[in-house]
Amino acid sequence: VGVGMAVSCSMFVFDSATKISVATRSGTDPQTGEEVKYYDVHGVLFFGSCTQFLSLFDEKNDPNDVRLVFDAGYIADYSAIEALNKLGERYGAYGKKVKLQELKPGCGKIVENASGLLVKELEVAVESEELLPAERHHLNVENWMEDHDHGSRSFLREDSHKSSRDGEADAHERTPMNRGSGERSGTV
């Protein structure tokens, strides 16, 4: 059992490590007018996917402004922070900067906690957007039905009573005694 667990865990890590990818697109920064290359990260960046992740970039030929968009990606652990630091150092060797964008709340926490460990070539763009509205509204569905739809509510009650009576009749027809007599009468 222990060997099976170890093998399945290693297979899971291997499968997850190979599922990280990036999609590239180019654009122009509206503020500076300079060329920007976006890397849309897909998958989980963790200790098992760091090597694959680092192999997906072209530091030498990319423009000076590179942005990693984590809309469909997730930073899972501090090994991922180390991989981002390595990537920042690689781009820094060419005088380029990398900006992390659209981090999910869990990713943002990890990056925020490790902010003192990030290299100077990495910039984190934190958009503070509220996930849920601050003001909560209670939807009182039960009272709404009573206040707005008296006719259909009584229709629903009649229909439910009718269907329960039909269900009782169906159940009576399916009793073993009746089922047996129906089968005999059907075969005669």
Protein backbone atom coordinates (compact mmCIF):
# COMPACT_ATOMS: atom_id res chain seq x y z
CA VAL A 1 0.00 0.00 0.00
CA GLY A 2 2.82 2.43 0.92
CA VAL A 3 4.65 1.77 -2.36
CA GLY A 4 1.41 2.30 -4.30
CA MET A 5 0.82 5.62 -2.54
CA ALA A 6 4.38 6.77 -3.29
CA VAL A 7 4.08 5.80 -6.96
CA SER A 8 0.69 7.50 -7.36
CA CYS A 9 1.98 10.68 -5.66
CA SER A 10 5.00 10.82 -7.96
CA MET A 11 2.80 10.24 -11.01
CA PHE A 12 0.51 13.06 -9.88
CA VAL A 13 3.46 15.45 -9.49
CA PHE A 14 4.82 14.44 -12.90
CA ASP A 15 1.43 14.90 -14.59
CA SER A 16 0.86 18.27 -12.90
CA ALA A 17 4.35 19.45 -13.77
CA THR A 18 3.81 18.86 -17.47
CA LYS A 19 0.46 20.69 -17.53
CA ILE A 20 1.88 24.21 -17.11
CA SER A 21 1.94 26.30 -20.27
CA VAL A 22 1.98 29.88 -21.49
CA ALA A 23 0.25 31.60 -24.37
CA THR A 24 1.98 34.66 -25.78
CA ARG A 25 0.56 37.82 -27.25
CA SER A 26 2.04 41.18 -28.08
CA GLY A 27 0.63 44.62 -27.55
CA THR A 28 1.46 48.22 -26.79
CA ASP A 29 1.41 49.88 -23.40
CA PRO A 30 -1.21 52.64 -23.58
CA GLN A 31 0.74 54.86 -21.16
CA THR A 32 4.23 54.60 -22.65
CA GLY A 33 3.50 53.44 -26.20
CA GLU A 34 6.24 50.78 -25.91
CA GLU A 35 5.92 47.20 -27.11
CA VAL A 36 4.77 44.73 -24.46
CA LYS A 37 4.84 40.95 -24.58
CA TYR A 38 2.24 39.15 -22.47
CA TYR A 39 2.69 35.60 -21.25
CA ASP A 40 -0.66 34.18 -20.14
CA VAL A 41 0.23 31.46 -17.63
CA HIS A 42 -2.02 28.37 -17.55
CA GLY A 43 -1.61 25.79 -14.80
CA VAL A 44 -0.06 25.54 -11.36
CA LEU A 45 3.45 26.81 -10.76
CA PHE A 46 4.91 24.69 -7.96
CA PHE A 47 8.12 22.77 -7.18
CA GLY A 48 7.40 20.12 -9.81
CA SER A 49 6.66 22.52 -12.69
CA CYS A 50 9.41 25.14 -12.20
CA THR A 51 11.84 23.67 -14.76
CA GLN A 52 9.12 23.35 -17.41
CA PHE A 53 7.94 26.89 -16.64
CA LEU A 54 11.40 28.43 -17.02
CA SER A 55 11.89 26.74 -20.40
CA LEU A 56 8.86 28.55 -21.88
CA PHE A 57 10.43 32.03 -22.13
CA ASP A 58 12.66 33.80 -24.67
CA GLU A 59 14.57 36.35 -22.60
CA LYS A 60 16.93 37.37 -25.38
CA ASN A 61 14.32 38.24 -28.04
CA ASP A 62 11.50 39.58 -25.85
CA PRO A 63 10.90 43.35 -25.61
CA ASN A 64 11.95 45.34 -22.54
CA ASP A 65 8.46 45.14 -21.02
CA VAL A 66 7.31 41.57 -20.26
CA ARG A 67 4.17 40.79 -18.30
CA LEU A 68 3.17 37.46 -16.78
CA VAL A 69 -0.62 37.25 -16.54
CA PHE A 70 -1.78 34.72 -13.93
CA ASP A 71 -5.48 34.88 -14.80
CA ALA A 72 -5.50 31.11 -15.49
CA GLY A 73 -2.38 30.29 -13.48
CA TYR A 74 -1.62 29.79 -9.83
CA ILE A 75 1.52 30.26 -7.72
CA ALA A 76 1.44 27.42 -5.23
CA ASP A 77 4.61 27.52 -3.13
CA TYR A 78 7.95 29.19 -2.46
CA SER A 79 9.67 27.10 -5.12
CA ALA A 80 7.49 29.01 -7.58
CA ILE A 81 8.79 32.29 -6.09
CA GLU A 82 12.33 31.03 -6.63
CA ALA A 83 11.48 30.18 -10.27
CA LEU A 84 10.07 33.69 -10.75
CA ASN A 85 13.28 35.12 -9.25
CA LYS A 86 15.37 33.08 -11.71
CA LEU A 87 13.20 34.34 -14.55
CA GLY A 88 13.61 37.92 -13.31
CA GLU A 89 17.39 37.49 -13.15
CA ARG A 90 17.46 36.10 -16.70
CA TYR A 91 15.51 39.09 -18.02
CA GLY A 92 17.60 41.42 -15.83
CA ALA A 93 20.76 40.20 -17.58
CA TYR A 94 19.33 41.83 -20.75
CA GLY A 95 18.18 44.99 -18.95
CA LYS A 96 14.51 43.97 -19.05
CA LYS A 97 11.80 43.93 -16.39
CA VAL A 98 9.02 41.43 -15.66
CA LYS A 99 5.66 42.40 -14.20
CA LEU A 100 3.31 39.90 -12.51
CA GLN A 101 -0.36 40.65 -13.14
CA GLU A 102 -3.81 39.33 -12.17
CA LEU A 103 -2.66 37.23 -9.23
CA LYS A 104 -5.38 35.31 -7.47
CA PRO A 105 -5.88 36.04 -3.75
CA GLY A 106 -3.98 32.91 -2.65
CA CYS A 107 -1.10 33.68 -5.03
CA GLY A 108 -1.05 37.29 -3.92
CA LYS A 109 -0.60 36.20 -0.31
CA ILE A 110 2.39 34.02 -1.17
CA VAL A 111 3.98 36.76 -3.29
CA GLU A 112 3.21 39.37 -0.62
CA ASN A 113 4.81 37.22 2.09
CA ALA A 114 7.87 36.71 -0.11
CA SER A 115 8.09 40.30 -1.33
CA GLY A 116 11.40 40.79 0.49
CA LEU A 117 12.81 37.81 -1.41
CA LEU A 118 11.88 39.03 -4.92
CA VAL A 119 14.62 40.30 -7.21
CA LYS A 120 14.48 43.92 -8.37
CA GLU A 121 13.61 42.91 -11.95
CA LEU A 122 10.25 41.54 -10.78
CA GLU A 123 7.39 43.95 -10.27
CA VAL A 124 4.07 42.90 -8.81
CA ALA A 125 0.93 44.66 -10.02
CA VAL A 126 -1.65 44.30 -7.28
CA GLU A 127 -5.19 45.15 -8.27
CA SER A 128 -7.31 45.42 -5.18
CA GLU A 129 -10.66 44.24 -6.34
CA GLU A 130 -13.36 43.02 -4.06
CA LEU A 131 -14.46 39.46 -4.69
CA LEU A 132 -17.86 39.88 -3.06
CA PRO A 133 -19.80 43.13 -2.65
CA ALA A 134 -19.48 44.71 0.79
CA GLU A 135 -23.20 45.28 1.20
CA ARG A 136 -25.11 42.03 1.45
CA HIS A 137 -28.71 41.65 0.34
CA HIS A 138 -30.85 38.86 1.69
CA LEU A 139 -33.13 37.44 -0.96
CA ASN A 140 -36.28 36.36 0.79
CA VAL A 141 -37.61 34.03 -1.88
CA GLU A 142 -40.37 32.55 0.25
CA ASN A 143 -42.02 35.92 0.89
CA TRP A 144 -41.54 37.01 -2.70
CA MET A 145 -43.55 34.03 -3.93
CA GLU A 146 -46.38 34.84 -1.51
CA ASP A 147 -46.36 38.56 -2.34
CA HIS A 148 -46.18 38.31 -6.13
CA ASP A 149 -47.65 35.12 -7.44
CA HIS A 150 -50.76 33.96 -5.55
CA GLY A 151 -52.44 32.32 -8.56
CA SER A 152 -49.57 30.16 -9.70
CA ARG A 153 -48.70 29.25 -6.11
CA SER A 154 -52.19 27.79 -5.55
CA PHE A 155 -51.91 26.11 -8.94
CA LEU A 156 -48.61 24.58 -7.84
CA ARG A 157 -50.22 23.34 -4.64
CA GLU A 158 -53.11 21.73 -6.54
CA ASP A 159 -50.70 20.21 -9.03
CA SER A 160 -48.50 18.82 -6.26
CA HIS A 161 -51.54 17.33 -4.48
CA LYS A 162 -52.67 15.81 -7.77
CA SER A 163 -49.24 14.35 -8.47
CA SER A 164 -49.05 12.92 -4.94
CA ARG A 165 -52.46 11.26 -5.43
CA ASP A 166 -51.24 9.92 -8.80
CA GLY A 167 -48.12 8.66 -7.09
CA GLU A 168 -50.22 6.82 -4.53
CA ALA A 169 -52.25 5.23 -7.31
CA ASP A 170 -49.07 4.25 -9.15
CA ALA A 171 -47.66 2.79 -5.97
CA HIS A 172 -50.89 0.80 -5.44
CA GLU A 173 -50.62 -0.58 -8.97
CA ARG A 174 -47.02 -1.66 -8.33
CA THR A 175 -47.68 -3.68 -5.20
CA PRO A 176 -46.53 -7.31 -5.52
CA MET A 177 -50.09 -8.66 -5.30
CA ASN A 178 -51.36 -6.41 -8.10
CA ARG A 179 -48.26 -6.85 -10.19
CA GLY A 180 -48.65 -10.62 -10.11
CA SER A 181 -52.33 -10.43 -11.09
CA GLY A 182 -51.50 -8.00 -13.91
CA GLU A 183 -48.90 -10.31 -15.29
CA ARG A 184 -51.30 -13.26 -15.25
CA SER A 185 -54.08 -11.30 -16.88
CA GLY A 186 -51.64 -10.03 -19.53
CA THR A 187 -50.55 -13.55 -20.43
CA VAL A 188 -54.00 -15.09 -20.61
